[in-house]
Amino acid sequence: MTATPAPNLLSSMVNQVLSIKPLWNFAKGRARHMMVTRAETIGVPWRERVQALQRRGGPTSSGGTATLSPLWQADLAALQNPELVYPGYYTTSFHAYDEGNLGWQPAMEVEVASQAVHAKIWPEAGAAGDECLRQSYHDVLIAQLPQAPETVVDIGCGVGLSTEAFQATFPQARLTGVDLSPYFLAVAQYRQQERLENGEASSQTAAITWHHAAGEATGLPAATYDLVSACLVFHELPQSAARAIMQEARRLLRPGGHLAIMDMNPRSEVMQTLPPVVLTLLKSTEPYLDEYFTLDIEAAFLAAGFEQPTIALNSPRHRTLIGKAI
């Protein structure tokens, strides 16, 4: 087993720079500006799409901006678990949003931001890079799982991009999307309605269940699921939460079920040779990146009750790990 290296000198220097709040705020703002600019350069209608989500078919205000539809608050109230206590690691800034994942702006920008961020993985794919990345993950699952899963939990499902991709790949599966952000889940539910209305999803497939909970304490029934997936989630977790989610996944899985994790590959040449400016911008928006890069994830699989995981490289900078529940 190859150990993941500790943060190097460059990484430590970047951490020192970002510990100075004005510099951190500048880096966050710069990272966001670059992302929006990149999106619009490759043809992703960032502002147009966000405004369409905000108004949900309602009118545009006289100033040309979208007014948040009151339907959003109704959906939020219906999805939100009022008893949920947010873990401390979650109530911090993520992705250049001061409110982290707990707000309408971050929720409504996930889709376009994902298209912008993943456009550079395969330059020829452009805005379709995000879709290609998710498909590359599912190609690994199709190749390695002994049979198509019938029950799937999508941990950290966000606004449903990963869950929708699962539905397209495994249309017979019953899917449950779990996320800590009720704002994200509200957008996920609406996007699912959009897809049905636009003919992008079949009414013959089972509806996705959206569940407001922490990935480490889902409250879902034990020994019930064939597959637990965490797609682009673990780099946003401290190590304690990552290990707890893996233990919860083992509880949820039937004997012989599988945990699949797709995320950045810290050992890839791309990640190990990031230019200082890019690393600074990345770290300014990802508070737990060092913890992810130094997590011995294979050992964590074993400790949580899984067999030694398989590792497949599904992009130049991403990997998929799959472990079978013992």
C-alpha atoms as a PDB file:
ATOM      1  CA  MET A   1       0.000   0.000   0.000  1.00  0.00           C
ATOM      2  CA  THR A   2       1.394   3.383  -0.965  1.00  0.00           C
ATOM      3  CA  ALA A   3       1.071   5.987   1.758  1.00  0.00           C
ATOM      4  CA  THR A   4      -0.334   9.373   0.940  1.00  0.00           C
ATOM      5  CA  PRO A   5       2.358  11.981   1.601  1.00  0.00           C
ATOM      6  CA  ALA A   6       2.035  14.645   4.255  1.00  0.00           C
ATOM      7  CA  PRO A   7       1.529  18.241   3.127  1.00  0.00           C
ATOM      8  CA  ASN A   8       4.719  19.476   1.488  1.00  0.00           C
ATOM      9  CA  LEU A   9       6.523  22.779   1.982  1.00  0.00           C
ATOM     10  CA  LEU A  10       4.463  24.525  -0.702  1.00  0.00           C
ATOM     11  CA  SER A  11       1.220  23.359   0.878  1.00  0.00           C
ATOM     12  CA  SER A  12       2.365  24.532   4.308  1.00  0.00           C
ATOM     13  CA  MET A  13       3.321  27.949   2.917  1.00  0.00           C
ATOM     14  CA  VAL A  14      -0.088  28.274   1.263  1.00  0.00           C
ATOM     15  CA  ASN A  15      -1.725  27.453   4.600  1.00  0.00           C
ATOM     16  CA  GLN A  16       0.245  30.261   6.253  1.00  0.00           C
ATOM     17  CA  VAL A  17      -0.832  32.732   3.574  1.00  0.00           C
ATOM     18  CA  LEU A  18      -4.491  31.745   3.912  1.00  0.00           C
ATOM     19  CA  SER A  19      -4.346  32.081   7.700  1.00  0.00           C
ATOM     20  CA  ILE A  20      -4.252  35.864   7.103  1.00  0.00           C
ATOM     21  CA  LYS A  21      -7.940  36.675   6.741  1.00  0.00           C
ATOM     22  CA  PRO A  22      -7.684  39.536   4.187  1.00  0.00           C
ATOM     23  CA  LEU A  23      -5.554  37.322   1.933  1.00  0.00           C
ATOM     24  CA  TRP A  24      -7.975  34.426   2.395  1.00  0.00           C
ATOM     25  CA  ASN A  25     -10.911  36.652   1.461  1.00  0.00           C
ATOM     26  CA  PHE A  26      -9.039  37.906  -1.605  1.00  0.00           C
ATOM     27  CA  ALA A  27      -8.217  34.351  -2.689  1.00  0.00           C
ATOM     28  CA  LYS A  28     -11.846  33.271  -2.243  1.00  0.00           C
ATOM     29  CA  GLY A  29     -13.093  36.179  -4.307  1.00  0.00           C
ATOM     30  CA  ARG A  30     -10.522  35.532  -7.014  1.00  0.00           C
ATOM     31  CA  ALA A  31     -11.436  31.841  -7.152  1.00  0.00           C
ATOM     32  CA  ARG A  32     -15.103  32.651  -7.607  1.00  0.00           C
ATOM     33  CA  HIS A  33     -14.418  35.263 -10.297  1.00  0.00           C
ATOM     34  CA  MET A  34     -12.295  32.804 -12.260  1.00  0.00           C
ATOM     35  CA  MET A  35     -14.983  30.125 -12.018  1.00  0.00           C
ATOM     36  CA  VAL A  36     -17.787  32.364 -13.299  1.00  0.00           C
ATOM     37  CA  THR A  37     -15.559  33.673 -16.105  1.00  0.00           C
ATOM     38  CA  ARG A  38     -14.550  30.166 -17.133  1.00  0.00           C
ATOM     39  CA  ALA A  39     -18.188  29.050 -17.150  1.00  0.00           C
ATOM     40  CA  GLU A  40     -19.304  31.808 -19.467  1.00  0.00           C
ATOM     41  CA  THR A  41     -16.254  31.325 -21.707  1.00  0.00           C
ATOM     42  CA  ILE A  42     -17.217  27.706 -22.398  1.00  0.00           C
ATOM     43  CA  GLY A  43     -20.872  28.519 -22.960  1.00  0.00           C
ATOM     44  CA  VAL A  44     -22.356  27.749 -19.544  1.00  0.00           C
ATOM     45  CA  PRO A  45     -25.119  30.348 -18.995  1.00  0.00           C
ATOM     46  CA  TRP A  46     -24.258  30.910 -15.325  1.00  0.00           C
ATOM     47  CA  ARG A  47     -26.402  33.975 -14.570  1.00  0.00           C
ATOM     48  CA  GLU A  48     -29.281  32.902 -16.813  1.00  0.00           C
ATOM     49  CA  ARG A  49     -29.540  29.449 -15.244  1.00  0.00           C
ATOM     50  CA  VAL A  50     -29.329  30.747 -11.680  1.00  0.00           C
ATOM     51  CA  GLN A  51     -32.034  33.334 -12.349  1.00  0.00           C
ATOM     52  CA  ALA A  52     -34.270  30.683 -13.892  1.00  0.00           C
ATOM     53  CA  LEU A  53     -33.932  28.595 -10.755  1.00  0.00           C
ATOM     54  CA  GLN A  54     -34.614  31.570  -8.520  1.00  0.00           C
ATOM     55  CA  ARG A  55     -37.891  32.534 -10.154  1.00  0.00           C
ATOM     56  CA  ARG A  56     -39.156  29.006 -11.070  1.00  0.00           C
ATOM     57  CA  GLY A  57     -41.202  30.319 -13.958  1.00  0.00           C
ATOM     58  CA  GLY A  58     -42.171  33.504 -12.153  1.00  0.00           C
ATOM     59  CA  PRO A  59     -41.620  37.036 -13.463  1.00  0.00           C
ATOM     60  CA  THR A  60     -38.353  38.913 -13.641  1.00  0.00           C
ATOM     61  CA  SER A  61     -38.251  42.085 -11.552  1.00  0.00           C
ATOM     62  CA  SER A  62     -38.229  45.520 -13.173  1.00  0.00           C
ATOM     63  CA  GLY A  63     -34.484  45.738 -12.599  1.00  0.00           C
ATOM     64  CA  GLY A  64     -33.921  42.645 -14.708  1.00  0.00           C
ATOM     65  CA  THR A  65     -33.045  40.419 -11.758  1.00  0.00           C
ATOM     66  CA  ALA A  66     -34.910  37.339 -10.614  1.00  0.00           C
ATOM     67  CA  THR A  67     -37.078  37.364  -7.510  1.00  0.00           C
ATOM     68  CA  LEU A  68     -36.837  34.265  -5.340  1.00  0.00           C
ATOM     69  CA  SER A  69     -40.038  32.304  -5.787  1.00  0.00           C
ATOM     70  CA  PRO A  70     -41.988  31.695  -2.555  1.00  0.00           C
ATOM     71  CA  LEU A  71     -42.230  28.065  -3.638  1.00  0.00           C
ATOM     72  CA  TRP A  72     -38.644  27.597  -2.531  1.00  0.00           C
ATOM     73  CA  GLN A  73     -39.402  28.322   1.112  1.00  0.00           C
ATOM     74  CA  ALA A  74     -42.326  25.898   1.026  1.00  0.00           C
ATOM     75  CA  ASP A  75     -40.103  23.162  -0.393  1.00  0.00           C
ATOM     76  CA  LEU A  76     -37.398  23.921   2.160  1.00  0.00           C
ATOM     77  CA  ALA A  77     -39.854  23.593   5.038  1.00  0.00           C
ATOM     78  CA  ALA A  78     -41.148  20.281   3.694  1.00  0.00           C
ATOM     79  CA  LEU A  79     -37.673  18.758   3.270  1.00  0.00           C
ATOM     80  CA  GLN A  80     -35.880  20.149   6.309  1.00  0.00           C
ATOM     81  CA  ASN A  81     -35.431  18.041   9.420  1.00  0.00           C
ATOM     82  CA  PRO A  82     -35.975  20.561  12.241  1.00  0.00           C
ATOM     83  CA  GLU A  83     -34.364  18.203  14.766  1.00  0.00           C
ATOM     84  CA  LEU A  84     -31.074  17.950  12.896  1.00  0.00           C
ATOM     85  CA  VAL A  85     -28.045  19.462  14.634  1.00  0.00           C
ATOM     86  CA  TYR A  86     -25.392  20.471  12.117  1.00  0.00           C
ATOM     87  CA  PRO A  87     -21.905  19.134  12.875  1.00  0.00           C
ATOM     88  CA  GLY A  88     -19.347  21.831  13.518  1.00  0.00           C
ATOM     89  CA  TYR A  89     -17.240  20.952  10.488  1.00  0.00           C
ATOM     90  CA  TYR A  90     -20.178  21.760   8.204  1.00  0.00           C
ATOM     91  CA  THR A  91     -21.005  25.260   9.414  1.00  0.00           C
ATOM     92  CA  THR A  92     -18.037  26.931   7.773  1.00  0.00           C
ATOM     93  CA  SER A  93     -17.220  28.592   4.479  1.00  0.00           C
ATOM     94  CA  PHE A  94     -17.111  26.307   1.445  1.00  0.00           C
ATOM     95  CA  HIS A  95     -16.468  27.129  -2.209  1.00  0.00           C
ATOM     96  CA  ALA A  96     -16.093  30.877  -1.582  1.00  0.00           C
ATOM     97  CA  TYR A  97     -19.533  31.177   0.064  1.00  0.00           C
ATOM     98  CA  ASP A  98     -19.445  32.612   3.576  1.00  0.00           C
ATOM     99  CA  GLU A  99     -22.616  30.654   4.404  1.00  0.00           C
ATOM    100  CA  GLY A 100     -21.045  27.463   3.130  1.00  0.00           C
ATOM    101  CA  ASN A 101     -23.695  25.103   1.802  1.00  0.00           C
ATOM    102  CA  LEU A 102     -26.524  26.527   3.889  1.00  0.00           C
ATOM    103  CA  GLY A 103     -28.068  29.096   1.566  1.00  0.00           C
ATOM    104  CA  TRP A 104     -29.921  29.597  -1.702  1.00  0.00           C
ATOM    105  CA  GLN A 105     -27.016  31.107  -3.650  1.00  0.00           C
ATOM    106  CA  PRO A 106     -24.650  28.148  -3.215  1.00  0.00           C
ATOM    107  CA  ALA A 107     -27.505  25.717  -3.853  1.00  0.00           C
ATOM    108  CA  MET A 108     -28.516  27.373  -7.105  1.00  0.00           C
ATOM    109  CA  GLU A 109     -24.954  27.649  -8.386  1.00  0.00           C
ATOM    110  CA  VAL A 110     -23.882  24.029  -7.843  1.00  0.00           C
ATOM    111  CA  GLU A 111     -24.959  22.909 -11.306  1.00  0.00           C
ATOM    112  CA  VAL A 112     -23.164  25.631 -13.263  1.00  0.00           C
ATOM    113  CA  ALA A 113     -20.144  25.581 -10.952  1.00  0.00           C
ATOM    114  CA  SER A 114     -19.734  21.843 -11.505  1.00  0.00           C
ATOM    115  CA  GLN A 115     -19.774  22.371 -15.251  1.00  0.00           C
ATOM    116  CA  ALA A 116     -17.131  25.087 -14.953  1.00  0.00           C
ATOM    117  CA  VAL A 117     -14.831  23.238 -12.557  1.00  0.00           C
ATOM    118  CA  HIS A 118     -14.816  19.969 -14.489  1.00  0.00           C
ATOM    119  CA  ALA A 119     -14.503  21.515 -17.949  1.00  0.00           C
ATOM    120  CA  LYS A 120     -10.707  21.277 -17.816  1.00  0.00           C
ATOM    121  CA  ILE A 121     -10.500  17.544 -17.098  1.00  0.00           C
ATOM    122  CA  TRP A 122     -10.999  16.713 -20.758  1.00  0.00           C
ATOM    123  CA  PRO A 123     -10.583  20.021 -22.659  1.00  0.00           C
ATOM    124  CA  GLU A 124     -12.351  18.677 -25.736  1.00  0.00           C
ATOM    125  CA  ALA A 125     -15.484  17.990 -23.641  1.00  0.00           C
ATOM    126  CA  GLY A 126     -15.903  21.577 -22.448  1.00  0.00           C
ATOM    127  CA  ALA A 127     -19.093  22.078 -20.442  1.00  0.00           C
ATOM    128  CA  ALA A 128     -19.863  18.363 -20.802  1.00  0.00           C
ATOM    129  CA  GLY A 129     -16.807  17.537 -18.682  1.00  0.00           C
ATOM    130  CA  ASP A 130     -18.914  17.195 -15.542  1.00  0.00           C
ATOM    131  CA  GLU A 131     -21.205  14.680 -17.208  1.00  0.00           C
ATOM    132  CA  CYS A 132     -18.185  12.812 -18.567  1.00  0.00           C
ATOM    133  CA  LEU A 133     -16.624  12.636 -15.105  1.00  0.00           C
ATOM    134  CA  ARG A 134     -19.754  11.151 -13.556  1.00  0.00           C
ATOM    135  CA  GLN A 135     -20.081   8.690 -16.425  1.00  0.00           C
ATOM    136  CA  SER A 136     -16.458   7.624 -15.973  1.00  0.00           C
ATOM    137  CA  TYR A 137     -17.308   6.813 -12.339  1.00  0.00           C
ATOM    138  CA  HIS A 138     -20.317   4.754 -13.354  1.00  0.00           C
ATOM    139  CA  ASP A 139     -18.290   2.961 -16.013  1.00  0.00           C
ATOM    140  CA  VAL A 140     -16.060   1.702 -13.198  1.00  0.00           C
ATOM    141  CA  LEU A 141     -19.100   0.617 -11.166  1.00  0.00           C
ATOM    142  CA  ILE A 142     -20.574  -1.253 -14.132  1.00  0.00           C
ATOM    143  CA  ALA A 143     -17.259  -3.017 -14.719  1.00  0.00           C
ATOM    144  CA  GLN A 144     -16.592  -3.964 -11.090  1.00  0.00           C
ATOM    145  CA  LEU A 145     -19.914  -4.538  -9.324  1.00  0.00           C
ATOM    146  CA  PRO A 146     -21.079  -8.155  -9.602  1.00  0.00           C
ATOM    147  CA  GLN A 147     -24.611  -7.025 -10.483  1.00  0.00           C
ATOM    148  CA  ALA A 148     -26.575  -3.813 -10.896  1.00  0.00           C
ATOM    149  CA  PRO A 149     -27.611  -2.428  -7.492  1.00  0.00           C
ATOM    150  CA  GLU A 150     -31.323  -2.309  -6.719  1.00  0.00           C
ATOM    151  CA  THR A 151     -31.083  -0.023  -3.682  1.00  0.00           C
ATOM    152  CA  VAL A 152     -28.616   2.877  -3.551  1.00  0.00           C
ATOM    153  CA  VAL A 153     -27.824   5.587  -1.005  1.00  0.00           C
ATOM    154  CA  ASP A 154     -26.087   8.641  -2.467  1.00  0.00           C
ATOM    155  CA  ILE A 155     -24.259  10.293   0.439  1.00  0.00           C
ATOM    156  CA  GLY A 156     -23.670  14.023  -0.016  1.00  0.00           C
ATOM    157  CA  CYS A 157     -25.978  14.090  -3.024  1.00  0.00           C
ATOM    158  CA  GLY A 158     -25.987  17.900  -3.216  1.00  0.00           C
ATOM    159  CA  VAL A 159     -28.471  19.146  -5.805  1.00  0.00           C
ATOM    160  CA  GLY A 160     -28.856  15.677  -7.275  1.00  0.00           C
ATOM    161  CA  LEU A 161     -26.286  15.686 -10.087  1.00  0.00           C
ATOM    162  CA  SER A 162     -24.774  12.414  -8.897  1.00  0.00           C
ATOM    163  CA  THR A 163     -28.162  10.896  -8.041  1.00  0.00           C
ATOM    164  CA  GLU A 164     -29.602  11.714 -11.462  1.00  0.00           C
ATOM    165  CA  ALA A 165     -26.563  10.132 -13.086  1.00  0.00           C
ATOM    166  CA  PHE A 166     -27.182   6.993 -11.032  1.00  0.00           C
ATOM    167  CA  GLN A 167     -30.799   6.946 -12.183  1.00  0.00           C
ATOM    168  CA  ALA A 168     -29.695   7.110 -15.812  1.00  0.00           C
ATOM    169  CA  THR A 169     -27.145   4.317 -15.335  1.00  0.00           C
ATOM    170  CA  PHE A 170     -29.259   2.068 -13.095  1.00  0.00           C
ATOM    171  CA  PRO A 171     -32.869   2.959 -13.980  1.00  0.00           C
ATOM    172  CA  GLN A 172     -34.293   0.051 -12.005  1.00  0.00           C
ATOM    173  CA  ALA A 173     -32.654   1.146  -8.742  1.00  0.00           C
ATOM    174  CA  ARG A 174     -34.461   2.738  -5.819  1.00  0.00           C
ATOM    175  CA  LEU A 175     -32.397   5.806  -4.970  1.00  0.00           C
ATOM    176  CA  THR A 176     -32.089   7.801  -1.757  1.00  0.00           C
ATOM    177  CA  GLY A 177     -30.138  11.053  -1.836  1.00  0.00           C
ATOM    178  CA  VAL A 178     -28.785  12.194   1.539  1.00  0.00           C
ATOM    179  CA  ASP A 179     -27.422  15.665   2.203  1.00  0.00           C
ATOM    180  CA  LEU A 180     -26.855  18.030   5.129  1.00  0.00           C
ATOM    181  CA  SER A 181     -28.092  21.056   3.174  1.00  0.00           C
ATOM    182  CA  PRO A 182     -31.885  21.342   2.891  1.00  0.00           C
ATOM    183  CA  TYR A 183     -31.288  24.106   0.340  1.00  0.00           C
ATOM    184  CA  PHE A 184     -29.409  21.676  -1.884  1.00  0.00           C
ATOM    185  CA  LEU A 185     -32.148  19.072  -1.460  1.00  0.00           C
ATOM    186  CA  ALA A 186     -34.844  21.585  -2.412  1.00  0.00           C
ATOM    187  CA  VAL A 187     -32.975  22.347  -5.634  1.00  0.00           C
ATOM    188  CA  ALA A 188     -32.438  18.612  -6.224  1.00  0.00           C
ATOM    189  CA  GLN A 189     -36.161  17.958  -5.909  1.00  0.00           C
ATOM    190  CA  TYR A 190     -37.008  20.798  -8.288  1.00  0.00           C
ATOM    191  CA  ARG A 191     -34.408  19.687 -10.828  1.00  0.00           C
ATOM    192  CA  GLN A 192     -35.960  16.225 -10.752  1.00  0.00           C
ATOM    193  CA  GLN A 193     -39.341  17.785 -11.578  1.00  0.00           C
ATOM    194  CA  GLU A 194     -37.718  19.774 -14.402  1.00  0.00           C
ATOM    195  CA  ARG A 195     -36.187  16.640 -15.884  1.00  0.00           C
ATOM    196  CA  LEU A 196     -39.522  14.844 -15.887  1.00  0.00           C
ATOM    197  CA  GLU A 197     -41.294  17.796 -17.502  1.00  0.00           C
ATOM    198  CA  ASN A 198     -38.559  18.154 -20.135  1.00  0.00           C
ATOM    199  CA  GLY A 199     -38.519  14.453 -20.948  1.00  0.00           C
ATOM    200  CA  GLU A 200     -34.951  14.070 -19.660  1.00  0.00           C
ATOM    201  CA  ALA A 201     -36.076  11.461 -17.121  1.00  0.00           C
ATOM    202  CA  SER A 202     -38.651   8.715 -17.451  1.00  0.00           C
ATOM    203  CA  SER A 203     -41.802   8.688 -15.366  1.00  0.00           C
ATOM    204  CA  GLN A 204     -41.431   4.889 -15.354  1.00  0.00           C
ATOM    205  CA  THR A 205     -38.405   5.030 -13.040  1.00  0.00           C
ATOM    206  CA  ALA A 206     -38.891   5.175  -9.288  1.00  0.00           C
ATOM    207  CA  ALA A 207     -38.903   8.663  -7.809  1.00  0.00           C
ATOM    208  CA  ILE A 208     -35.758   9.631  -5.936  1.00  0.00           C
ATOM    209  CA  THR A 209     -36.170  10.035  -2.179  1.00  0.00           C
ATOM    210  CA  TRP A 210     -34.445  13.132  -0.797  1.00  0.00           C
ATOM    211  CA  HIS A 211     -33.376  12.798   2.848  1.00  0.00           C
ATOM    212  CA  HIS A 212     -32.059  15.608   5.062  1.00  0.00           C
ATOM    213  CA  ALA A 213     -29.407  14.080   7.315  1.00  0.00           C
ATOM    214  CA  ALA A 214     -25.693  13.832   7.993  1.00  0.00           C
ATOM    215  CA  GLY A 215     -23.856  11.154   6.065  1.00  0.00           C
ATOM    216  CA  GLU A 216     -22.444   9.792   9.312  1.00  0.00           C
ATOM    217  CA  ALA A 217     -25.896   9.521  10.959  1.00  0.00           C
ATOM    218  CA  THR A 218     -28.469   9.024   8.208  1.00  0.00           C
ATOM    219  CA  GLY A 219     -31.181   7.428  10.317  1.00  0.00           C
ATOM    220  CA  LEU A 220     -31.879   5.058   7.418  1.00  0.00           C
ATOM    221  CA  PRO A 221     -32.535   1.353   8.118  1.00  0.00           C
ATOM    222  CA  ALA A 222     -29.566  -0.954   8.627  1.00  0.00           C
ATOM    223  CA  ALA A 223     -28.534  -3.793   6.301  1.00  0.00           C
ATOM    224  CA  THR A 224     -30.945  -2.610   3.601  1.00  0.00           C
ATOM    225  CA  TYR A 225     -28.908  -1.291   0.672  1.00  0.00           C
ATOM    226  CA  ASP A 226     -26.816  -2.790  -2.118  1.00  0.00           C
ATOM    227  CA  LEU A 227     -24.624   0.255  -2.727  1.00  0.00           C
ATOM    228  CA  VAL A 228     -23.613   3.350  -0.801  1.00  0.00           C
ATOM    229  CA  SER A 229     -21.926   5.984  -2.947  1.00  0.00           C
ATOM    230  CA  ALA A 230     -20.051   9.157  -2.081  1.00  0.00           C
ATOM    231  CA  CYS A 231     -19.325  11.132  -5.239  1.00  0.00           C
ATOM    232  CA  LEU A 232     -16.994  14.135  -4.858  1.00  0.00           C
ATOM    233  CA  VAL A 233     -17.725  14.333  -1.128  1.00  0.00           C
ATOM    234  CA  PHE A 234     -14.695  13.135   0.816  1.00  0.00           C
ATOM    235  CA  HIS A 235     -12.446  16.085  -0.063  1.00  0.00           C
ATOM    236  CA  GLU A 236     -14.959  18.241   1.836  1.00  0.00           C
ATOM    237  CA  LEU A 237     -14.654  16.256   5.075  1.00  0.00           C
ATOM    238  CA  PRO A 238     -12.328  16.218   8.057  1.00  0.00           C
ATOM    239  CA  GLN A 239     -10.886  12.769   8.622  1.00  0.00           C
ATOM    240  CA  SER A 240     -13.114  12.062  11.621  1.00  0.00           C
ATOM    241  CA  ALA A 241     -16.250  12.629   9.537  1.00  0.00           C
ATOM    242  CA  ALA A 242     -14.862  10.624   6.617  1.00  0.00           C
ATOM    243  CA  ARG A 243     -14.269   7.608   8.847  1.00  0.00           C
ATOM    244  CA  ALA A 244     -17.679   7.997  10.502  1.00  0.00           C
ATOM    245  CA  ILE A 245     -19.410   8.052   7.103  1.00  0.00           C
ATOM    246  CA  MET A 246     -17.620   4.861   6.099  1.00  0.00           C
ATOM    247  CA  GLN A 247     -18.797   3.200   9.309  1.00  0.00           C
ATOM    248  CA  GLU A 248     -22.355   4.384   8.647  1.00  0.00           C
ATOM    249  CA  ALA A 249     -22.120   3.020   5.108  1.00  0.00           C
ATOM    250  CA  ARG A 250     -21.178  -0.385   6.506  1.00  0.00           C
ATOM    251  CA  ARG A 251     -24.220  -0.264   8.801  1.00  0.00           C
ATOM    252  CA  LEU A 252     -26.524   0.561   5.882  1.00  0.00           C
ATOM    253  CA  LEU A 253     -25.222  -2.152   3.559  1.00  0.00           C
ATOM    254  CA  ARG A 254     -26.419  -5.688   3.244  1.00  0.00           C
ATOM    255  CA  PRO A 255     -23.668  -8.316   3.644  1.00  0.00           C
ATOM    256  CA  GLY A 256     -21.806  -8.317   0.355  1.00  0.00           C
ATOM    257  CA  GLY A 257     -22.937  -4.787  -0.495  1.00  0.00           C
ATOM    258  CA  HIS A 258     -20.452  -2.173  -1.655  1.00  0.00           C
ATOM    259  CA  LEU A 259     -19.204   1.278  -0.703  1.00  0.00           C
ATOM    260  CA  ALA A 260     -17.962   3.337  -3.648  1.00  0.00           C
ATOM    261  CA  ILE A 261     -16.065   6.612  -3.277  1.00  0.00           C
ATOM    262  CA  MET A 262     -15.123   8.795  -6.237  1.00  0.00           C
ATOM    263  CA  ASP A 263     -13.038  11.888  -5.634  1.00  0.00           C
ATOM    264  CA  MET A 264      -9.792  13.671  -6.359  1.00  0.00           C
ATOM    265  CA  ASN A 265      -6.731  11.450  -6.491  1.00  0.00           C
ATOM    266  CA  PRO A 266      -4.052  12.957  -4.216  1.00  0.00           C
ATOM    267  CA  ARG A 267      -1.444  10.684  -5.818  1.00  0.00           C
ATOM    268  CA  SER A 268      -2.107  11.846  -9.362  1.00  0.00           C
ATOM    269  CA  GLU A 269       0.536  13.857 -11.166  1.00  0.00           C
ATOM    270  CA  VAL A 270      -2.011  16.621 -11.741  1.00  0.00           C
ATOM    271  CA  MET A 271      -2.670  17.088  -8.029  1.00  0.00           C
ATOM    272  CA  GLN A 272       0.967  16.749  -6.992  1.00  0.00           C
ATOM    273  CA  THR A 273       2.188  19.375  -9.461  1.00  0.00           C
ATOM    274  CA  LEU A 274      -0.452  22.077  -9.005  1.00  0.00           C
ATOM    275  CA  PRO A 275       1.029  25.562  -9.546  1.00  0.00           C
ATOM    276  CA  PRO A 276       1.238  27.624  -6.329  1.00  0.00           C
ATOM    277  CA  VAL A 277      -1.455  30.076  -7.449  1.00  0.00           C
ATOM    278  CA  VAL A 278      -3.889  27.283  -8.330  1.00  0.00           C
ATOM    279  CA  LEU A 279      -3.201  25.474  -5.053  1.00  0.00           C
ATOM    280  CA  THR A 280      -3.811  28.702  -3.119  1.00  0.00           C
ATOM    281  CA  LEU A 281      -7.135  29.314  -4.852  1.00  0.00           C
ATOM    282  CA  LEU A 282      -8.190  25.701  -4.351  1.00  0.00           C
ATOM    283  CA  LYS A 283      -7.350  25.683  -0.658  1.00  0.00           C
ATOM    284  CA  SER A 284      -9.163  28.974  -0.109  1.00  0.00           C
ATOM    285  CA  THR A 285     -12.427  27.243  -1.053  1.00  0.00           C
ATOM    286  CA  GLU A 286     -11.793  23.754   0.381  1.00  0.00           C
ATOM    287  CA  PRO A 287     -11.141  23.908   4.146  1.00  0.00           C
ATOM    288  CA  TYR A 288     -10.383  20.181   4.625  1.00  0.00           C
ATOM    289  CA  LEU A 289      -8.178  19.526   1.631  1.00  0.00           C
ATOM    290  CA  ASP A 290      -5.065  18.702   3.682  1.00  0.00           C
ATOM    291  CA  GLU A 291      -7.043  16.227   5.786  1.00  0.00           C
ATOM    292  CA  TYR A 292      -8.336  14.542   2.653  1.00  0.00           C
ATOM    293  CA  PHE A 293      -4.924  14.405   1.007  1.00  0.00           C
ATOM    294  CA  THR A 294      -3.379  12.762   4.093  1.00  0.00           C
ATOM    295  CA  LEU A 295      -6.217  10.313   4.843  1.00  0.00           C
ATOM    296  CA  ASP A 296      -5.155   6.673   4.535  1.00  0.00           C
ATOM    297  CA  ILE A 297      -8.404   5.794   2.832  1.00  0.00           C
ATOM    298  CA  GLU A 298      -7.562   2.141   2.166  1.00  0.00           C
ATOM    299  CA  ALA A 299      -6.933   1.615   5.891  1.00  0.00           C
ATOM    300  CA  ALA A 300     -10.188   3.423   6.652  1.00  0.00           C
ATOM    301  CA  PHE A 301     -12.071   0.944   4.439  1.00  0.00           C
ATOM    302  CA  LEU A 302     -10.590  -1.974   6.369  1.00  0.00           C
ATOM    303  CA  ALA A 303     -11.276  -0.384   9.756  1.00  0.00           C
ATOM    304  CA  ALA A 304     -14.918   0.214   8.828  1.00  0.00           C
ATOM    305  CA  GLY A 305     -15.549  -3.441   7.975  1.00  0.00           C
ATOM    306  CA  PHE A 306     -14.784  -3.680   4.267  1.00  0.00           C
ATOM    307  CA  GLU A 307     -12.447  -5.807   2.212  1.00  0.00           C
ATOM    308  CA  GLN A 308      -9.359  -4.198   0.702  1.00  0.00           C
ATOM    309  CA  PRO A 309     -10.814  -1.706  -1.793  1.00  0.00           C
ATOM    310  CA  THR A 310     -10.123  -1.759  -5.492  1.00  0.00           C
ATOM    311  CA  ILE A 311      -8.792   1.485  -6.948  1.00  0.00           C
ATOM    312  CA  ALA A 312      -9.468   2.607 -10.506  1.00  0.00           C
ATOM    313  CA  LEU A 313      -8.351   5.862 -12.108  1.00  0.00           C
ATOM    314  CA  ASN A 314     -11.415   7.325 -13.809  1.00  0.00           C
ATOM    315  CA  SER A 315      -9.887  10.639 -14.889  1.00  0.00           C
ATOM    316  CA  PRO A 316      -6.406  12.174 -14.973  1.00  0.00           C
ATOM    317  CA  ARG A 317      -7.064  13.528 -11.475  1.00  0.00           C
ATOM    318  CA  HIS A 318      -9.849  11.354  -9.997  1.00  0.00           C
ATOM    319  CA  ARG A 319     -10.032   7.841  -8.609  1.00  0.00           C
ATOM    320  CA  THR A 320     -12.791   5.405  -7.676  1.00  0.00           C
ATOM    321  CA  LEU A 321     -12.448   3.131  -4.663  1.00  0.00           C
ATOM    322  CA  ILE A 322     -14.879   0.239  -4.159  1.00  0.00           C
ATOM    323  CA  GLY A 323     -14.971  -1.897  -1.028  1.00  0.00           C
ATOM    324  CA  LYS A 324     -17.123  -4.944  -0.347  1.00  0.00           C
ATOM    325  CA  ALA A 325     -18.822  -5.182   3.044  1.00  0.00           C
ATOM    326  CA  ILE A 326     -17.526  -8.127   5.056  1.00  0.00           C
END
